[in-house]
Amino acid sequence: MQILGYEVDPMSGERVTYGAQDGRFIVKRERDVGPALDYATALRNAAEYAKQGIKDNLQHCIHIPDTVAAKMLTEDGFDPYRRSAKEIRLFLRQNRAKYANLFTTSGKI
């Protein structure tokens, strides 16, 4: 791919690269999702966080970074922004090997 240019969003850290290959214009988006996945792991390992959520009648179950949502849409044809919480949970359970690190609880949801 011949790179024509790029830009970086200072707020999100997302890097967008513009290029051309075989007569096609290509836009490639990249972002380090490591901190977001570390956040989900920390919540999953914090037993008190889950207990407090259950007591408050609201449990945080899944954390999906924007770039992972875009990957779901492009690779799997699943748009988490247009689906209900139950549909997202079902999709992630069916694709647990690929998206297991998005869960913020180790309990049953």
N, C-alpha and C. Protein backbone atom coordinates (compact mmCIF):
# COMPACT_ATOMS: atom_id res chain seq x y z
N MET A 1 0.85 -1.18 0.00
CA MET A 1 0.00 0.00 0.00
C MET A 1 0.89 1.24 0.00
N GLN A 2 0.59 2.15 -0.87
CA GLN A 2 1.28 3.44 -0.91
C GLN A 2 0.57 4.38 0.05
N ILE A 3 1.29 4.83 1.07
CA ILE A 3 0.69 5.71 2.08
C ILE A 3 0.66 7.14 1.55
N LEU A 4 -0.55 7.72 1.58
CA LEU A 4 -0.75 9.08 1.10
C LEU A 4 -0.71 10.10 2.23
N GLY A 5 -0.99 9.65 3.44
CA GLY A 5 -0.98 10.54 4.59
C GLY A 5 -1.59 9.87 5.80
N TYR A 6 -1.50 10.53 6.92
CA TYR A 6 -2.12 10.01 8.14
C TYR A 6 -2.42 11.17 9.08
N GLU A 7 -3.28 10.87 10.05
CA GLU A 7 -3.57 11.84 11.10
C GLU A 7 -3.80 11.07 12.40
N VAL A 8 -3.51 11.74 13.50
CA VAL A 8 -3.66 11.14 14.82
C VAL A 8 -4.59 12.00 15.65
N ASP A 9 -5.60 11.37 16.24
CA ASP A 9 -6.52 12.08 17.13
C ASP A 9 -5.89 12.11 18.53
N PRO A 10 -5.53 13.28 19.04
CA PRO A 10 -4.85 13.34 20.34
C PRO A 10 -5.74 12.91 21.51
N MET A 11 -7.05 13.02 21.36
CA MET A 11 -7.96 12.64 22.45
C MET A 11 -8.09 11.12 22.58
N SER A 12 -8.24 10.43 21.45
CA SER A 12 -8.46 9.00 21.50
C SER A 12 -7.19 8.20 21.23
N GLY A 13 -6.19 8.82 20.62
CA GLY A 13 -4.98 8.11 20.26
C GLY A 13 -5.12 7.32 18.97
N GLU A 14 -6.26 7.48 18.30
CA GLU A 14 -6.49 6.73 17.07
C GLU A 14 -5.66 7.32 15.92
N ARG A 15 -5.02 6.44 15.17
CA ARG A 15 -4.24 6.86 14.01
C ARG A 15 -4.98 6.39 12.76
N VAL A 16 -5.26 7.34 11.86
CA VAL A 16 -5.94 7.03 10.60
C VAL A 16 -4.92 7.22 9.48
N THR A 17 -4.69 6.16 8.72
CA THR A 17 -3.74 6.19 7.61
C THR A 17 -4.52 6.09 6.31
N TYR A 18 -4.19 6.96 5.37
CA TYR A 18 -4.82 6.98 4.05
C TYR A 18 -3.82 6.46 3.04
N GLY A 19 -4.28 5.58 2.15
CA GLY A 19 -3.37 5.04 1.15
C GLY A 19 -4.09 4.56 -0.08
N ALA A 20 -3.30 4.09 -1.03
CA ALA A 20 -3.84 3.57 -2.28
C ALA A 20 -3.13 2.26 -2.62
N GLN A 21 -3.91 1.33 -3.16
CA GLN A 21 -3.36 0.04 -3.57
C GLN A 21 -4.25 -0.54 -4.65
N ASP A 22 -3.64 -0.92 -5.76
CA ASP A 22 -4.37 -1.52 -6.88
C ASP A 22 -5.53 -0.65 -7.35
N GLY A 23 -5.33 0.66 -7.38
CA GLY A 23 -6.36 1.59 -7.84
C GLY A 23 -7.49 1.83 -6.85
N ARG A 24 -7.33 1.37 -5.62
CA ARG A 24 -8.36 1.56 -4.60
C ARG A 24 -7.83 2.47 -3.51
N PHE A 25 -8.72 3.28 -2.96
CA PHE A 25 -8.39 4.16 -1.83
C PHE A 25 -8.65 3.38 -0.55
N ILE A 26 -7.69 3.37 0.36
CA ILE A 26 -7.80 2.57 1.58
C ILE A 26 -7.66 3.49 2.80
N VAL A 27 -8.55 3.30 3.77
CA VAL A 27 -8.48 4.01 5.05
C VAL A 27 -8.28 2.96 6.13
N LYS A 28 -7.20 3.09 6.86
CA LYS A 28 -6.87 2.13 7.92
C LYS A 28 -6.87 2.85 9.26
N ARG A 29 -7.65 2.34 10.21
CA ARG A 29 -7.74 2.94 11.55
C ARG A 29 -7.06 2.02 12.55
N GLU A 30 -6.24 2.61 13.40
CA GLU A 30 -5.53 1.84 14.42
C GLU A 30 -5.58 2.58 15.74
N ARG A 31 -5.75 1.81 16.79
CA ARG A 31 -5.72 2.39 18.14
C ARG A 31 -5.26 1.31 19.10
N ASP A 32 -4.47 1.69 20.06
CA ASP A 32 -4.02 0.75 21.08
C ASP A 32 -5.18 0.54 22.05
N VAL A 33 -5.76 -0.66 22.02
CA VAL A 33 -6.88 -0.95 22.92
C VAL A 33 -6.42 -1.63 24.20
N GLY A 34 -5.11 -1.76 24.35
CA GLY A 34 -4.55 -2.39 25.55
C GLY A 34 -5.05 -1.79 26.85
N PRO A 35 -5.01 -0.46 27.01
CA PRO A 35 -5.51 0.12 28.27
C PRO A 35 -6.99 -0.16 28.52
N ALA A 36 -7.81 -0.15 27.48
CA ALA A 36 -9.24 -0.44 27.65
C ALA A 36 -9.46 -1.89 28.06
N LEU A 37 -8.68 -2.80 27.48
CA LEU A 37 -8.81 -4.21 27.84
C LEU A 37 -8.26 -4.46 29.25
N ASP A 38 -7.21 -3.74 29.63
CA ASP A 38 -6.69 -3.84 31.00
C ASP A 38 -7.73 -3.35 32.00
N TYR A 39 -8.47 -2.30 31.63
CA TYR A 39 -9.55 -1.77 32.46
C TYR A 39 -10.63 -2.84 32.67
N ALA A 40 -11.03 -3.49 31.59
CA ALA A 40 -12.05 -4.55 31.69
C ALA A 40 -11.55 -5.70 32.56
N THR A 41 -10.28 -6.05 32.41
CA THR A 41 -9.71 -7.13 33.23
C THR A 41 -9.68 -6.74 34.70
N ALA A 42 -9.31 -5.50 34.99
CA ALA A 42 -9.28 -5.04 36.38
C ALA A 42 -10.68 -5.10 36.99
N LEU A 43 -11.69 -4.69 36.24
CA LEU A 43 -13.07 -4.76 36.74
C LEU A 43 -13.50 -6.21 36.93
N ARG A 44 -13.12 -7.08 36.01
CA ARG A 44 -13.49 -8.50 36.09
C ARG A 44 -12.88 -9.13 37.34
N ASN A 45 -11.69 -8.69 37.72
CA ASN A 45 -11.00 -9.27 38.88
C ASN A 45 -11.37 -8.60 40.20
N ALA A 46 -12.15 -7.52 40.16
CA ALA A 46 -12.54 -6.80 41.37
C ALA A 46 -13.90 -7.32 41.85
N ALA A 47 -13.86 -8.22 42.80
CA ALA A 47 -15.10 -8.82 43.30
C ALA A 47 -16.06 -7.79 43.89
N GLU A 48 -15.53 -6.80 44.57
CA GLU A 48 -16.37 -5.77 45.19
C GLU A 48 -17.13 -4.95 44.14
N TYR A 49 -16.52 -4.74 42.99
CA TYR A 49 -17.19 -3.98 41.91
C TYR A 49 -18.46 -4.70 41.48
N ALA A 50 -18.37 -5.99 41.27
CA ALA A 50 -19.55 -6.78 40.86
C ALA A 50 -20.60 -6.81 41.98
N LYS A 51 -20.15 -7.01 43.21
CA LYS A 51 -21.09 -7.07 44.34
C LYS A 51 -21.85 -5.76 44.49
N GLN A 52 -21.14 -4.64 44.37
CA GLN A 52 -21.79 -3.33 44.50
C GLN A 52 -22.79 -3.10 43.37
N GLY A 53 -22.44 -3.52 42.17
CA GLY A 53 -23.35 -3.38 41.04
C GLY A 53 -24.63 -4.17 41.24
N ILE A 54 -24.50 -5.38 41.76
CA ILE A 54 -25.67 -6.22 42.01
C ILE A 54 -26.54 -5.59 43.11
N LYS A 55 -25.90 -5.05 44.14
CA LYS A 55 -26.65 -4.38 45.21
C LYS A 55 -27.42 -3.16 44.69
N ASP A 56 -26.81 -2.45 43.75
CA ASP A 56 -27.45 -1.27 43.17
C ASP A 56 -28.42 -1.60 42.04
N ASN A 57 -28.63 -2.91 41.81
CA ASN A 57 -29.54 -3.39 40.77
C ASN A 57 -29.08 -2.99 39.36
N LEU A 58 -27.76 -2.89 39.20
CA LEU A 58 -27.20 -2.57 37.89
C LEU A 58 -25.80 -3.15 37.84
N GLN A 59 -25.57 -4.04 36.89
CA GLN A 59 -24.25 -4.67 36.82
C GLN A 59 -23.58 -4.35 35.49
N HIS A 60 -22.37 -3.83 35.56
CA HIS A 60 -21.56 -3.55 34.38
C HIS A 60 -20.98 -4.87 33.91
N CYS A 61 -21.38 -5.35 32.74
CA CYS A 61 -20.98 -6.68 32.28
C CYS A 61 -19.97 -6.67 31.16
N ILE A 62 -20.02 -5.66 30.28
CA ILE A 62 -19.20 -5.66 29.07
C ILE A 62 -18.68 -4.25 28.82
N HIS A 63 -17.42 -4.17 28.38
CA HIS A 63 -16.83 -2.89 27.98
C HIS A 63 -16.28 -3.07 26.56
N ILE A 64 -16.85 -2.35 25.59
CA ILE A 64 -16.45 -2.49 24.19
C ILE A 64 -15.83 -1.18 23.70
N PRO A 65 -14.51 -1.15 23.48
CA PRO A 65 -13.88 0.04 22.91
C PRO A 65 -14.38 0.29 21.48
N ASP A 66 -14.34 1.55 21.04
CA ASP A 66 -14.85 1.92 19.72
C ASP A 66 -14.20 1.12 18.59
N THR A 67 -12.89 0.93 18.66
CA THR A 67 -12.22 0.22 17.57
C THR A 67 -12.60 -1.25 17.54
N VAL A 68 -12.89 -1.83 18.69
CA VAL A 68 -13.35 -3.22 18.72
C VAL A 68 -14.77 -3.30 18.14
N ALA A 69 -15.60 -2.30 18.43
CA ALA A 69 -16.94 -2.27 17.85
C ALA A 69 -16.86 -2.17 16.33
N ALA A 70 -15.92 -1.36 15.82
CA ALA A 70 -15.74 -1.25 14.37
C ALA A 70 -15.26 -2.57 13.79
N LYS A 71 -14.40 -3.28 14.51
CA LYS A 71 -13.92 -4.59 14.07
C LYS A 71 -15.08 -5.59 14.01
N MET A 72 -15.95 -5.55 15.01
CA MET A 72 -17.13 -6.43 15.02
C MET A 72 -17.98 -6.18 13.78
N LEU A 73 -18.16 -4.92 13.45
CA LEU A 73 -18.99 -4.56 12.30
C LEU A 73 -18.36 -5.00 10.99
N THR A 74 -17.07 -4.75 10.81
CA THR A 74 -16.43 -5.06 9.53
C THR A 74 -16.13 -6.55 9.37
N GLU A 75 -15.69 -7.21 10.43
CA GLU A 75 -15.30 -8.61 10.31
C GLU A 75 -16.45 -9.58 10.52
N ASP A 76 -17.38 -9.23 11.42
CA ASP A 76 -18.45 -10.16 11.79
C ASP A 76 -19.83 -9.72 11.33
N GLY A 77 -19.95 -8.49 10.83
CA GLY A 77 -21.25 -7.99 10.40
C GLY A 77 -22.19 -7.70 11.57
N PHE A 78 -21.64 -7.51 12.76
CA PHE A 78 -22.45 -7.26 13.97
C PHE A 78 -22.22 -5.83 14.43
N ASP A 79 -23.28 -5.04 14.53
CA ASP A 79 -23.19 -3.65 14.96
C ASP A 79 -23.69 -3.52 16.40
N PRO A 80 -22.77 -3.43 17.38
CA PRO A 80 -23.21 -3.37 18.77
C PRO A 80 -23.95 -2.08 19.13
N TYR A 81 -23.84 -1.06 18.30
CA TYR A 81 -24.54 0.20 18.57
C TYR A 81 -26.02 0.12 18.21
N ARG A 82 -26.39 -0.85 17.42
CA ARG A 82 -27.79 -0.99 16.99
C ARG A 82 -28.45 -2.24 17.56
N ARG A 83 -27.84 -2.84 18.54
CA ARG A 83 -28.37 -4.07 19.12
C ARG A 83 -28.70 -3.87 20.60
N SER A 84 -29.58 -4.70 21.09
CA SER A 84 -29.94 -4.64 22.51
C SER A 84 -28.84 -5.29 23.35
N ALA A 85 -28.89 -5.07 24.65
CA ALA A 85 -27.89 -5.66 25.55
C ALA A 85 -27.94 -7.19 25.47
N LYS A 86 -29.14 -7.75 25.35
CA LYS A 86 -29.26 -9.21 25.26
C LYS A 86 -28.62 -9.75 23.98
N GLU A 87 -28.80 -9.03 22.87
CA GLU A 87 -28.20 -9.45 21.60
C GLU A 87 -26.67 -9.35 21.66
N ILE A 88 -26.16 -8.32 22.31
CA ILE A 88 -24.71 -8.17 22.45
C ILE A 88 -24.15 -9.30 23.30
N ARG A 89 -24.82 -9.59 24.41
CA ARG A 89 -24.39 -10.67 25.29
C ARG A 89 -24.37 -12.00 24.55
N LEU A 90 -25.41 -12.28 23.78
CA LEU A 90 -25.48 -13.53 23.03
C LEU A 90 -24.36 -13.60 21.99
N PHE A 91 -24.13 -12.51 21.27
CA PHE A 91 -23.07 -12.47 20.26
C PHE A 91 -21.70 -12.73 20.91
N LEU A 92 -21.44 -12.06 22.05
CA LEU A 92 -20.15 -12.23 22.70
C LEU A 92 -19.98 -13.62 23.28
N ARG A 93 -21.05 -14.21 23.74
CA ARG A 93 -20.97 -15.59 24.23
C ARG A 93 -20.65 -16.55 23.08
N GLN A 94 -21.28 -16.33 21.93
CA GLN A 94 -21.03 -17.19 20.77
C GLN A 94 -19.63 -17.01 20.22
N ASN A 95 -19.05 -15.85 20.43
CA ASN A 95 -17.70 -15.54 19.94
C ASN A 95 -16.74 -15.31 21.11
N ARG A 96 -16.93 -16.07 22.15
CA ARG A 96 -16.16 -15.87 23.39
C ARG A 96 -14.65 -16.02 23.17
N ALA A 97 -14.24 -16.93 22.31
CA ALA A 97 -12.80 -17.12 22.06
C ALA A 97 -12.17 -15.85 21.51
N LYS A 98 -12.92 -15.10 20.73
CA LYS A 98 -12.40 -13.90 20.09
C LYS A 98 -12.55 -12.65 20.96
N TYR A 99 -13.62 -12.58 21.75
CA TYR A 99 -13.94 -11.35 22.49
C TYR A 99 -14.06 -11.56 24.01
N ALA A 100 -13.45 -12.59 24.55
CA ALA A 100 -13.59 -12.91 25.97
C ALA A 100 -13.08 -11.79 26.88
N ASN A 101 -12.09 -11.04 26.43
CA ASN A 101 -11.51 -10.01 27.29
C ASN A 101 -12.35 -8.75 27.38
N LEU A 102 -13.53 -8.72 26.77
CA LEU A 102 -14.42 -7.56 26.86
C LEU A 102 -15.35 -7.64 28.07
N PHE A 103 -15.48 -8.82 28.67
CA PHE A 103 -16.35 -9.00 29.83
C PHE A 103 -15.74 -8.32 31.06
N THR A 104 -16.58 -7.62 31.82
CA THR A 104 -16.11 -6.95 33.04
C THR A 104 -16.56 -7.69 34.29
N THR A 105 -17.12 -8.86 34.12
CA THR A 105 -17.53 -9.67 35.26
C THR A 105 -17.20 -11.13 34.95
N SER A 106 -16.86 -11.87 35.98
CA SER A 106 -16.59 -13.29 35.79
C SER A 106 -17.81 -14.13 36.13
N GLY A 107 -18.84 -13.45 36.64
CA GLY A 107 -20.07 -14.14 37.02
C GLY A 107 -20.98 -14.42 35.83
N LYS A 108 -22.09 -15.06 36.12
CA LYS A 108 -23.07 -15.38 35.08
C LYS A 108 -23.85 -14.12 34.71
N ILE A 109 -23.98 -13.90 33.40
CA ILE A 109 -24.76 -12.75 32.95
C ILE A 109 -25.82 -13.21 31.98
